[in-house]
N, C-alpha and C. Protein backbone atom coordinates (compact mmCIF):
# COMPACT_ATOMS: atom_id res chain seq x y z
N MET A 1 18.39 10.76 2.73
CA MET A 1 19.38 10.62 1.70
C MET A 1 18.46 11.43 0.43
N SER A 2 19.48 11.35 -0.23
CA SER A 2 19.95 12.48 -1.45
C SER A 2 19.12 12.17 -2.24
N VAL A 3 18.72 12.80 -2.96
CA VAL A 3 18.05 12.58 -4.65
C VAL A 3 18.30 11.74 -5.39
N ALA A 4 20.06 11.54 -5.49
CA ALA A 4 20.92 10.37 -5.98
C ALA A 4 19.85 9.12 -6.00
N GLU A 5 20.35 9.30 -4.19
CA GLU A 5 20.38 7.70 -3.02
C GLU A 5 18.89 7.62 -3.24
N LYS A 6 17.81 8.28 -3.25
CA LYS A 6 16.35 8.12 -3.65
C LYS A 6 16.19 7.65 -4.53
N ALA A 7 16.58 8.57 -5.90
CA ALA A 7 16.35 8.27 -7.61
C ALA A 7 16.70 6.29 -7.33
N ASP A 8 17.90 6.20 -7.03
CA ASP A 8 18.38 4.79 -6.46
C ASP A 8 17.56 3.68 -6.21
N PHE A 9 16.85 4.19 -4.88
CA PHE A 9 15.94 3.13 -4.44
C PHE A 9 14.97 2.99 -4.75
N LEU A 10 13.91 3.75 -5.68
CA LEU A 10 13.09 3.66 -6.37
C LEU A 10 14.11 2.86 -7.56
N GLU A 11 14.40 3.06 -8.20
CA GLU A 11 14.86 1.97 -9.25
C GLU A 11 14.97 1.00 -8.79
N LYS A 12 15.40 0.77 -7.78
CA LYS A 12 15.83 -1.24 -6.92
C LYS A 12 14.56 -1.49 -6.58
N ILE A 13 13.36 -0.91 -6.17
CA ILE A 13 12.22 -0.98 -5.66
C ILE A 13 10.78 -1.73 -7.04
N ASP A 14 11.39 -0.57 -8.10
CA ASP A 14 10.59 -1.21 -9.27
C ASP A 14 11.48 -2.39 -9.95
N ARG A 15 12.88 -2.75 -9.70
CA ARG A 15 13.28 -3.52 -10.05
C ARG A 15 12.62 -4.95 -9.55
N ALA A 16 12.74 -5.02 -8.53
CA ALA A 16 12.05 -5.74 -6.87
C ALA A 16 10.82 -6.47 -7.72
N LEU A 17 9.92 -5.17 -8.21
CA LEU A 17 8.34 -5.75 -8.92
C LEU A 17 8.34 -6.44 -9.73
N ASP A 18 9.22 -6.82 -10.59
CA ASP A 18 9.79 -7.67 -11.53
C ASP A 18 9.11 -8.69 -11.34
N ASN A 19 8.98 -8.76 -9.84
CA ASN A 19 9.04 -10.83 -9.69
C ASN A 19 7.64 -10.61 -9.29
N VAL A 20 7.18 -9.69 -9.06
CA VAL A 20 5.49 -9.87 -9.08
C VAL A 20 4.26 -9.69 -9.76
N ARG A 21 5.36 -8.76 -10.94
CA ARG A 21 4.52 -8.16 -12.22
C ARG A 21 3.86 -9.31 -13.24
N PRO A 22 4.62 -10.23 -13.91
CA PRO A 22 3.72 -11.38 -14.13
C PRO A 22 2.72 -11.73 -13.59
N HIS A 23 2.44 -11.97 -12.51
CA HIS A 23 1.15 -12.45 -12.17
C HIS A 23 0.05 -11.06 -11.93
N LEU A 24 0.40 -9.97 -11.88
CA LEU A 24 -0.21 -8.75 -11.80
C LEU A 24 -1.18 -8.76 -13.95
N ARG A 25 -0.12 -9.41 -14.53
CA ARG A 25 -0.44 -9.05 -16.03
C ARG A 25 -0.94 -10.35 -16.53
N VAL A 26 -0.69 -11.11 -15.88
CA VAL A 26 -2.34 -12.36 -15.90
C VAL A 26 -3.62 -11.59 -16.43
N ASP A 27 -3.65 -11.01 -15.06
CA ASP A 27 -5.19 -10.19 -15.15
C ASP A 27 -5.16 -9.06 -15.93
N GLU A 28 -4.27 -8.54 -17.10
CA GLU A 28 -3.99 -7.71 -17.52
C GLU A 28 -3.70 -6.27 -16.91
N GLY A 29 -3.34 -6.31 -15.42
CA GLY A 29 -2.48 -5.50 -14.48
C GLY A 29 -1.09 -5.52 -14.33
N ASP A 30 -0.95 -4.10 -13.71
CA ASP A 30 0.51 -3.73 -13.61
C ASP A 30 0.68 -2.96 -12.42
N VAL A 31 1.44 -2.43 -11.93
CA VAL A 31 1.60 -1.37 -10.96
C VAL A 31 2.88 -0.61 -10.93
N GLU A 32 3.59 1.15 -10.32
CA GLU A 32 3.83 1.75 -10.33
C GLU A 32 4.05 2.53 -9.38
N VAL A 33 6.06 2.39 -9.08
CA VAL A 33 5.77 2.59 -7.97
C VAL A 33 5.89 4.25 -7.80
N VAL A 34 5.29 4.95 -7.37
CA VAL A 34 5.16 6.14 -6.86
C VAL A 34 6.04 7.60 -6.04
N GLU A 35 6.75 6.99 -4.97
CA GLU A 35 7.36 7.43 -4.05
C GLU A 35 7.30 6.80 -2.97
N VAL A 36 8.32 6.51 -2.47
CA VAL A 36 8.98 6.34 -0.38
C VAL A 36 8.64 7.37 0.17
N THR A 37 8.07 7.48 1.27
CA THR A 37 7.87 8.62 1.83
C THR A 37 9.28 8.63 2.87
N GLU A 38 9.60 9.83 3.55
CA GLU A 38 10.61 8.84 4.60
C GLU A 38 10.72 8.51 5.59
N ASP A 39 9.18 8.20 6.13
CA ASP A 39 8.49 6.81 7.49
C ASP A 39 8.79 5.69 6.10
N MET A 40 9.17 5.67 5.29
CA MET A 40 9.55 4.21 4.44
C MET A 40 8.06 3.88 3.93
N ILE A 41 6.98 4.69 4.03
CA ILE A 41 6.58 3.76 3.29
C ILE A 41 6.12 3.78 1.76
N VAL A 42 5.67 2.61 0.96
CA VAL A 42 6.37 2.42 -0.62
C VAL A 42 4.29 2.93 -1.03
N LYS A 43 4.91 4.28 -2.02
CA LYS A 43 3.17 4.39 -2.39
C LYS A 43 3.72 4.09 -4.21
N ILE A 44 2.46 3.46 -4.30
CA ILE A 44 2.20 1.98 -5.35
C ILE A 44 0.86 3.17 -6.15
N LYS A 45 1.00 3.14 -7.53
CA LYS A 45 -0.13 2.97 -8.40
C LYS A 45 -0.70 2.14 -9.27
N TRP A 46 -1.90 1.52 -8.54
CA TRP A 46 -2.41 0.17 -9.61
C TRP A 46 -2.53 0.48 -11.09
N LEU A 47 -2.47 0.10 -11.88
CA LEU A 47 -2.65 -0.22 -13.09
C LEU A 47 -3.56 -1.01 -13.98
N GLY A 48 -4.22 -0.03 -15.27
CA GLY A 48 -4.89 -2.23 -15.58
C GLY A 48 -6.16 -2.40 -14.75
N ASN A 49 -6.58 -3.59 -14.59
CA ASN A 49 -7.66 -4.26 -14.42
C ASN A 49 -6.87 -3.92 -12.77
N CYS A 50 -6.28 -3.92 -11.85
CA CYS A 50 -5.69 -4.16 -10.43
C CYS A 50 -6.36 -2.60 -10.45
N GLU A 51 -6.59 -1.99 -10.91
CA GLU A 51 -6.67 -0.62 -10.08
C GLU A 51 -8.27 -0.29 -9.52
N ASN A 52 -9.22 -1.64 -10.25
CA ASN A 52 -10.63 -1.60 -9.76
C ASN A 52 -10.80 -3.07 -8.96
N CYS A 53 -9.68 -3.72 -9.15
CA CYS A 53 -9.78 -4.96 -8.53
C CYS A 53 -10.03 -5.16 -7.16
N PHE A 54 -11.38 -5.87 -6.62
CA PHE A 54 -11.38 -6.24 -5.15
C PHE A 54 -10.03 -7.13 -4.54
N MET A 55 -9.81 -7.95 -5.13
CA MET A 55 -8.63 -8.52 -4.64
C MET A 55 -7.28 -7.69 -4.09
N SER A 56 -6.99 -6.86 -4.54
CA SER A 56 -5.76 -5.94 -4.77
C SER A 56 -5.25 -5.76 -3.13
N THR A 57 -6.49 -5.78 -2.29
CA THR A 57 -5.72 -4.93 -0.35
C THR A 57 -4.37 -6.32 -0.26
N MET A 58 -5.34 -7.59 -0.64
CA MET A 58 -4.83 -9.03 -0.46
C MET A 58 -3.62 -9.22 -1.68
N THR A 59 -3.61 -8.56 -2.91
CA THR A 59 -2.44 -8.78 -3.63
C THR A 59 -1.40 -7.63 -3.18
N MET A 60 -2.12 -6.46 -2.89
CA MET A 60 -0.77 -5.62 -1.99
C MET A 60 0.09 -5.97 -1.09
N LYS A 61 -0.70 -6.55 0.22
CA LYS A 61 -0.14 -6.96 1.14
C LYS A 61 0.57 -8.95 0.94
N ALA A 62 0.54 -9.70 0.33
CA ALA A 62 0.58 -11.29 0.21
C ALA A 62 1.47 -10.66 -0.32
N GLY A 63 1.90 -9.88 -1.47
CA GLY A 63 2.47 -10.31 -2.29
C GLY A 63 3.17 -9.04 -2.66
N ILE A 64 2.89 -7.93 -3.39
CA ILE A 64 3.76 -6.65 -3.76
C ILE A 64 4.65 -6.53 -1.99
N GLU A 65 4.06 -6.65 -0.48
CA GLU A 65 4.38 -5.43 -0.02
C GLU A 65 5.99 -7.19 0.88
N GLN A 66 5.29 -8.42 1.18
CA GLN A 66 6.63 -9.16 1.45
C GLN A 66 7.43 -9.31 0.30
N GLU A 67 7.26 -9.12 -0.92
CA GLU A 67 8.17 -8.88 -1.65
C GLU A 67 8.99 -7.70 -1.18
N LEU A 68 8.82 -6.68 -1.19
CA LEU A 68 9.66 -5.63 -0.87
C LEU A 68 10.31 -5.62 0.76
N LYS A 69 9.38 -6.15 2.02
CA LYS A 69 10.08 -6.30 2.56
C LYS A 69 11.47 -7.10 2.57
N SER A 70 10.58 -8.13 2.53
CA SER A 70 11.84 -9.47 1.88
C SER A 70 13.29 -8.82 1.66
N LYS A 71 13.68 -8.22 0.67
CA LYS A 71 14.16 -7.54 0.20
C LYS A 71 15.07 -6.43 0.40
N PHE A 72 14.14 -5.26 1.50
CA PHE A 72 14.57 -3.97 1.78
C PHE A 72 13.35 -3.70 3.02
N PRO A 73 14.00 -4.57 4.08
CA PRO A 73 13.79 -4.66 5.48
C PRO A 73 13.38 -3.22 6.57
N GLU A 74 13.94 -2.36 5.50
CA GLU A 74 13.90 -0.48 5.85
C GLU A 74 12.26 -0.30 5.79
N ILE A 75 11.86 -1.23 4.73
CA ILE A 75 10.32 -0.14 4.47
C ILE A 75 9.44 -0.61 5.19
N LYS A 76 8.78 -0.11 5.54
CA LYS A 76 7.57 -0.27 6.49
C LYS A 76 6.11 -0.46 6.01
N GLY A 77 6.15 -0.61 4.95
CA GLY A 77 5.04 -0.44 4.35
C GLY A 77 4.50 -0.32 3.29
N VAL A 78 3.53 -0.82 2.44
CA VAL A 78 3.10 0.08 0.75
C VAL A 78 1.60 0.34 1.37
N GLU A 79 1.11 1.54 0.24
CA GLU A 79 -0.10 1.82 0.02
C GLU A 79 -0.07 2.20 -0.84
N ALA A 80 -1.15 2.14 -1.44
CA ALA A 80 -1.75 2.05 -2.84
C ALA A 80 -2.74 3.72 -2.85
N VAL A 81 -2.08 4.68 -4.00
CA VAL A 81 -2.43 5.82 -4.25
C VAL A 81 -3.83 5.93 -5.13
N ASN A 82 -4.33 5.48 -5.79
CA ASN A 82 -5.06 5.14 -5.90
C ASN A 82 -5.78 3.85 -6.36
N GLY A 83 -7.16 3.68 -7.31
CA GLY A 83 -8.10 2.14 -6.95
C GLY A 83 -8.80 2.18 -5.74
N VAL A 84 -9.33 1.01 -6.08
CA VAL A 84 -10.66 0.27 -4.49
C VAL A 84 -9.87 0.51 -3.56
N ASN A 85 -8.47 0.38 -2.59
CA ASN A 85 -8.37 0.60 -1.66
C ASN A 85 -7.34 2.13 -1.19
N ALA A 86 -7.26 2.75 -1.91
CA ALA A 86 -6.95 3.95 -2.08
C ALA A 86 -7.13 4.57 -1.06
């Protein structure tokens, strides 16, 4: 994947997360896309209250990962780079 293609893909992932963000913002949290690895793992950074939330693992698997995999089947998983479950 070229640099331009990767930047475009990251932007598409970020836009797809807009479907999940309202639920995170209710609890004063958010999420930021950090990178997509060569083996198609999306690395995210928890922001706000999500950083220390004990429910972030469930949110990541049941919300973020499912949302992204439904739109981008090539994604293998999602991992946090910070927070309780990093």
